[in-house]
Amino acid sequence: MKIFGLKLVLMCLLYVLAFSLTGCDSQESESSVRYEESVVEINESIIARTEFPEYDTDVKIIRIELTNLSNNDDVWTDDANGFIVLKQEGDKWRYIDSNNVTVFATATQIPANGTITKLCDLETHYKLPLSPGNYRIRINVGGLVYAEFTVK
């Protein structure tokens, strides 16, 4: 029973750490604005693209197509870090405010030389509406991939 309790406490700490690392602040101030640091590991075998290049400010869900260009299956863990939306500000990308929603991890297989479609539920995970500008959705699939779009 003590081992179960210890595992539960460790799991809770991991979720808190995950949210603190992704910039999931419920209130934004000048001091809490976070920008994406330079990207180190890009997964060049996966291409991500949004269903449309432009969306209205009232967009709630964005369909993302992930194409695996390699001869090996890849796995996307759709958890709290499954996708992160960033807005372009000059030459930087700023994390947009989230709703601090906990998502339990599910793994999605992207077959070798195959394509899957996933939904990015902005309404559940982010504070809407999005303001006009350029955005990108950062997806971690054994390295980072990006799907860019514009809100008009």
C-alpha atoms as a PDB file:
ATOM      1  CA  MET A   1       0.000   0.000   0.000  1.00  0.00           C
ATOM      2  CA  LYS A   2       2.906   2.379   0.777  1.00  0.00           C
ATOM      3  CA  ILE A   3       4.386   1.748  -2.685  1.00  0.00           C
ATOM      4  CA  PHE A   4       1.076   2.641  -4.341  1.00  0.00           C
ATOM      5  CA  GLY A   5       0.908   5.898  -2.350  1.00  0.00           C
ATOM      6  CA  LEU A   6       4.486   6.763  -3.254  1.00  0.00           C
ATOM      7  CA  LYS A   7       3.783   6.119  -6.950  1.00  0.00           C
ATOM      8  CA  LEU A   8       0.689   8.340  -6.782  1.00  0.00           C
ATOM      9  CA  VAL A   9       2.652  11.181  -5.185  1.00  0.00           C
ATOM     10  CA  LEU A  10       5.432  10.859  -7.784  1.00  0.00           C
ATOM     11  CA  MET A  11       2.903  10.877 -10.630  1.00  0.00           C
ATOM     12  CA  CYS A  12       1.283  14.045  -9.257  1.00  0.00           C
ATOM     13  CA  LEU A  13       4.693  15.708  -8.994  1.00  0.00           C
ATOM     14  CA  LEU A  14       5.454  14.791 -12.620  1.00  0.00           C
ATOM     15  CA  TYR A  15       2.213  16.443 -13.792  1.00  0.00           C
ATOM     16  CA  VAL A  16       3.005  19.598 -11.822  1.00  0.00           C
ATOM     17  CA  LEU A  17       6.500  19.644 -13.320  1.00  0.00           C
ATOM     18  CA  ALA A  18       5.120  19.131 -16.852  1.00  0.00           C
ATOM     19  CA  PHE A  19       2.783  22.110 -16.488  1.00  0.00           C
ATOM     20  CA  SER A  20       5.486  24.326 -15.041  1.00  0.00           C
ATOM     21  CA  LEU A  21       7.820  23.503 -17.946  1.00  0.00           C
ATOM     22  CA  THR A  22       5.217  24.242 -20.629  1.00  0.00           C
ATOM     23  CA  GLY A  23       4.363  27.734 -19.443  1.00  0.00           C
ATOM     24  CA  CYS A  24       0.825  26.853 -18.391  1.00  0.00           C
ATOM     25  CA  ASP A  25       0.202  29.905 -16.229  1.00  0.00           C
ATOM     26  CA  SER A  26      -3.426  30.775 -15.557  1.00  0.00           C
ATOM     27  CA  GLN A  27      -2.656  34.515 -15.370  1.00  0.00           C
ATOM     28  CA  GLU A  28      -0.377  36.278 -17.795  1.00  0.00           C
ATOM     29  CA  SER A  29       1.677  39.313 -16.860  1.00  0.00           C
ATOM     30  CA  GLU A  30       4.684  40.928 -18.473  1.00  0.00           C
ATOM     31  CA  SER A  31       6.995  38.897 -16.248  1.00  0.00           C
ATOM     32  CA  SER A  32       5.230  35.597 -17.016  1.00  0.00           C
ATOM     33  CA  VAL A  33       5.335  35.869 -20.823  1.00  0.00           C
ATOM     34  CA  ARG A  34       7.387  32.938 -22.067  1.00  0.00           C
ATOM     35  CA  TYR A  35       9.029  32.472 -25.430  1.00  0.00           C
ATOM     36  CA  GLU A  36      10.161  29.253 -27.016  1.00  0.00           C
ATOM     37  CA  GLU A  37      13.887  28.777 -26.726  1.00  0.00           C
ATOM     38  CA  SER A  38      15.903  27.755 -29.765  1.00  0.00           C
ATOM     39  CA  VAL A  39      14.846  24.336 -30.964  1.00  0.00           C
ATOM     40  CA  VAL A  40      17.443  21.612 -30.610  1.00  0.00           C
ATOM     41  CA  GLU A  41      15.854  18.392 -31.835  1.00  0.00           C
ATOM     42  CA  ILE A  42      13.629  18.487 -34.931  1.00  0.00           C
ATOM     43  CA  ASN A  43      12.068  15.245 -36.183  1.00  0.00           C
ATOM     44  CA  GLU A  44      12.640  15.583 -39.922  1.00  0.00           C
ATOM     45  CA  SER A  45      10.881  12.305 -40.734  1.00  0.00           C
ATOM     46  CA  ILE A  46       7.461  13.701 -39.703  1.00  0.00           C
ATOM     47  CA  ILE A  47       5.626  16.465 -41.582  1.00  0.00           C
ATOM     48  CA  ALA A  48       2.817  18.278 -39.780  1.00  0.00           C
ATOM     49  CA  ARG A  49       0.278  20.549 -41.462  1.00  0.00           C
ATOM     50  CA  THR A  50      -3.021  22.106 -40.541  1.00  0.00           C
ATOM     51  CA  GLU A  51      -6.157  21.420 -42.559  1.00  0.00           C
ATOM     52  CA  PHE A  52      -6.311  25.073 -43.686  1.00  0.00           C
ATOM     53  CA  PRO A  53      -3.583  27.740 -43.847  1.00  0.00           C
ATOM     54  CA  GLU A  54      -5.915  30.415 -42.382  1.00  0.00           C
ATOM     55  CA  TYR A  55      -8.589  30.426 -39.682  1.00  0.00           C
ATOM     56  CA  ASP A  56     -10.990  32.996 -38.240  1.00  0.00           C
ATOM     57  CA  THR A  57     -10.515  34.253 -34.676  1.00  0.00           C
ATOM     58  CA  ASP A  58     -13.408  32.058 -33.509  1.00  0.00           C
ATOM     59  CA  VAL A  59     -11.609  28.785 -34.415  1.00  0.00           C
ATOM     60  CA  LYS A  60     -12.088  26.116 -31.731  1.00  0.00           C
ATOM     61  CA  ILE A  61     -10.600  22.965 -33.276  1.00  0.00           C
ATOM     62  CA  ILE A  62      -7.773  22.559 -35.778  1.00  0.00           C
ATOM     63  CA  ARG A  63      -7.293  19.319 -37.671  1.00  0.00           C
ATOM     64  CA  ILE A  64      -3.615  18.359 -38.011  1.00  0.00           C
ATOM     65  CA  GLU A  65      -2.251  15.853 -40.508  1.00  0.00           C
ATOM     66  CA  LEU A  66       0.949  14.052 -39.482  1.00  0.00           C
ATOM     67  CA  THR A  67       2.830  12.252 -42.259  1.00  0.00           C
ATOM     68  CA  ASN A  68       5.646   9.826 -41.478  1.00  0.00           C
ATOM     69  CA  LEU A  69       8.262   9.897 -44.243  1.00  0.00           C
ATOM     70  CA  SER A  70      10.392   7.129 -42.714  1.00  0.00           C
ATOM     71  CA  ASN A  71      10.276   3.362 -43.100  1.00  0.00           C
ATOM     72  CA  ASN A  72       9.716   2.980 -39.341  1.00  0.00           C
ATOM     73  CA  ASP A  73       6.629   3.443 -37.230  1.00  0.00           C
ATOM     74  CA  ASP A  74       6.697   6.442 -34.897  1.00  0.00           C
ATOM     75  CA  VAL A  75       4.658   7.150 -31.778  1.00  0.00           C
ATOM     76  CA  TRP A  76       3.119  10.421 -30.653  1.00  0.00           C
ATOM     77  CA  THR A  77       2.275  10.553 -26.966  1.00  0.00           C
ATOM     78  CA  ASP A  78      -0.805  12.755 -26.812  1.00  0.00           C
ATOM     79  CA  ASP A  79      -0.385  14.044 -23.250  1.00  0.00           C
ATOM     80  CA  ALA A  80      -0.117  17.472 -21.619  1.00  0.00           C
ATOM     81  CA  ASN A  81       2.865  18.128 -23.890  1.00  0.00           C
ATOM     82  CA  GLY A  82       1.159  16.570 -26.926  1.00  0.00           C
ATOM     83  CA  PHE A  83       0.709  19.925 -28.597  1.00  0.00           C
ATOM     84  CA  ILE A  84       1.612  23.454 -27.617  1.00  0.00           C
ATOM     85  CA  VAL A  85       0.350  26.542 -29.454  1.00  0.00           C
ATOM     86  CA  LEU A  86       2.720  29.456 -29.957  1.00  0.00           C
ATOM     87  CA  LYS A  87       2.141  32.917 -31.490  1.00  0.00           C
ATOM     88  CA  GLN A  88       4.754  34.747 -33.508  1.00  0.00           C
ATOM     89  CA  GLU A  89       5.913  38.072 -32.085  1.00  0.00           C
ATOM     90  CA  GLY A  90       8.615  39.543 -34.278  1.00  0.00           C
ATOM     91  CA  ASP A  91      11.269  36.858 -34.604  1.00  0.00           C
ATOM     92  CA  LYS A  92      10.162  34.997 -31.448  1.00  0.00           C
ATOM     93  CA  TRP A  93       7.404  32.487 -30.694  1.00  0.00           C
ATOM     94  CA  ARG A  94       5.381  33.119 -27.504  1.00  0.00           C
ATOM     95  CA  TYR A  95       3.493  30.433 -25.579  1.00  0.00           C
ATOM     96  CA  ILE A  96      -0.189  31.345 -25.491  1.00  0.00           C
ATOM     97  CA  ASP A  97      -2.261  31.073 -22.304  1.00  0.00           C
ATOM     98  CA  SER A  98      -3.598  27.629 -21.519  1.00  0.00           C
ATOM     99  CA  ASN A  99      -6.595  26.507 -19.482  1.00  0.00           C
ATOM    100  CA  ASN A 100      -4.462  24.189 -17.303  1.00  0.00           C
ATOM    101  CA  VAL A 101      -6.423  21.123 -18.375  1.00  0.00           C
ATOM    102  CA  THR A 102      -4.940  17.788 -17.347  1.00  0.00           C
ATOM    103  CA  VAL A 103      -4.869  15.286 -20.199  1.00  0.00           C
ATOM    104  CA  PHE A 104      -4.084  11.634 -19.600  1.00  0.00           C
ATOM    105  CA  ALA A 105      -1.502  10.227 -21.993  1.00  0.00           C
ATOM    106  CA  THR A 106      -2.514   8.102 -24.943  1.00  0.00           C
ATOM    107  CA  ALA A 107      -0.046   6.872 -27.518  1.00  0.00           C
ATOM    108  CA  THR A 108      -0.852   7.194 -31.213  1.00  0.00           C
ATOM    109  CA  GLN A 109       1.079   5.181 -33.770  1.00  0.00           C
ATOM    110  CA  ILE A 110       2.075   6.923 -36.976  1.00  0.00           C
ATOM    111  CA  PRO A 111       2.714   4.075 -39.411  1.00  0.00           C
ATOM    112  CA  ALA A 112       5.806   3.944 -41.602  1.00  0.00           C
ATOM    113  CA  ASN A 113       5.181   5.982 -44.769  1.00  0.00           C
ATOM    114  CA  GLY A 114       1.672   6.694 -43.472  1.00  0.00           C
ATOM    115  CA  THR A 115      -0.507   9.604 -42.432  1.00  0.00           C
ATOM    116  CA  ILE A 116      -2.808  10.155 -39.471  1.00  0.00           C
ATOM    117  CA  THR A 117      -5.120  13.013 -38.551  1.00  0.00           C
ATOM    118  CA  LYS A 118      -5.420  14.439 -35.028  1.00  0.00           C
ATOM    119  CA  LEU A 119      -7.579  17.199 -33.605  1.00  0.00           C
ATOM    120  CA  CYS A 120      -6.046  20.103 -31.705  1.00  0.00           C
ATOM    121  CA  ASP A 121      -8.874  21.088 -29.355  1.00  0.00           C
ATOM    122  CA  LEU A 122      -8.118  24.756 -28.767  1.00  0.00           C
ATOM    123  CA  GLU A 123     -11.365  25.354 -26.876  1.00  0.00           C
ATOM    124  CA  THR A 124     -10.501  22.810 -24.183  1.00  0.00           C
ATOM    125  CA  HIS A 125      -6.816  23.631 -23.824  1.00  0.00           C
ATOM    126  CA  TYR A 126      -6.426  27.351 -24.549  1.00  0.00           C
ATOM    127  CA  LYS A 127      -7.958  30.699 -23.746  1.00  0.00           C
ATOM    128  CA  LEU A 128      -9.927  31.844 -26.776  1.00  0.00           C
ATOM    129  CA  PRO A 129     -10.429  33.675 -29.030  1.00  0.00           C
ATOM    130  CA  LEU A 130      -7.044  33.735 -30.707  1.00  0.00           C
ATOM    131  CA  SER A 131      -5.984  37.198 -31.822  1.00  0.00           C
ATOM    132  CA  PRO A 132      -5.005  37.760 -35.473  1.00  0.00           C
ATOM    133  CA  GLY A 133      -1.455  36.735 -36.328  1.00  0.00           C
ATOM    134  CA  ASN A 134       0.812  33.828 -37.211  1.00  0.00           C
ATOM    135  CA  TYR A 135       0.731  30.708 -35.040  1.00  0.00           C
ATOM    136  CA  ARG A 136       2.301  27.313 -34.940  1.00  0.00           C
ATOM    137  CA  ILE A 137       1.409  24.122 -33.159  1.00  0.00           C
ATOM    138  CA  ARG A 138       4.423  22.370 -31.683  1.00  0.00           C
ATOM    139  CA  ILE A 139       4.116  18.603 -31.563  1.00  0.00           C
ATOM    140  CA  ASN A 140       6.606  16.274 -29.893  1.00  0.00           C
ATOM    141  CA  VAL A 141       6.978  13.086 -31.930  1.00  0.00           C
ATOM    142  CA  GLY A 142      10.398  11.754 -30.964  1.00  0.00           C
ATOM    143  CA  GLY A 143      11.595  15.292 -31.690  1.00  0.00           C
ATOM    144  CA  LEU A 144       9.708  18.462 -32.498  1.00  0.00           C
ATOM    145  CA  VAL A 145       7.552  19.141 -35.551  1.00  0.00           C
ATOM    146  CA  TYR A 146       5.519  22.252 -36.317  1.00  0.00           C
ATOM    147  CA  ALA A 147       2.259  22.969 -38.120  1.00  0.00           C
ATOM    148  CA  GLU A 148       1.907  26.671 -38.930  1.00  0.00           C
ATOM    149  CA  PHE A 149      -1.278  28.671 -39.590  1.00  0.00           C
ATOM    150  CA  THR A 150      -2.590  32.216 -39.625  1.00  0.00           C
ATOM    151  CA  VAL A 151      -5.537  33.689 -37.751  1.00  0.00           C
ATOM    152  CA  LYS A 152      -7.146  36.541 -39.689  1.00  0.00           C
END
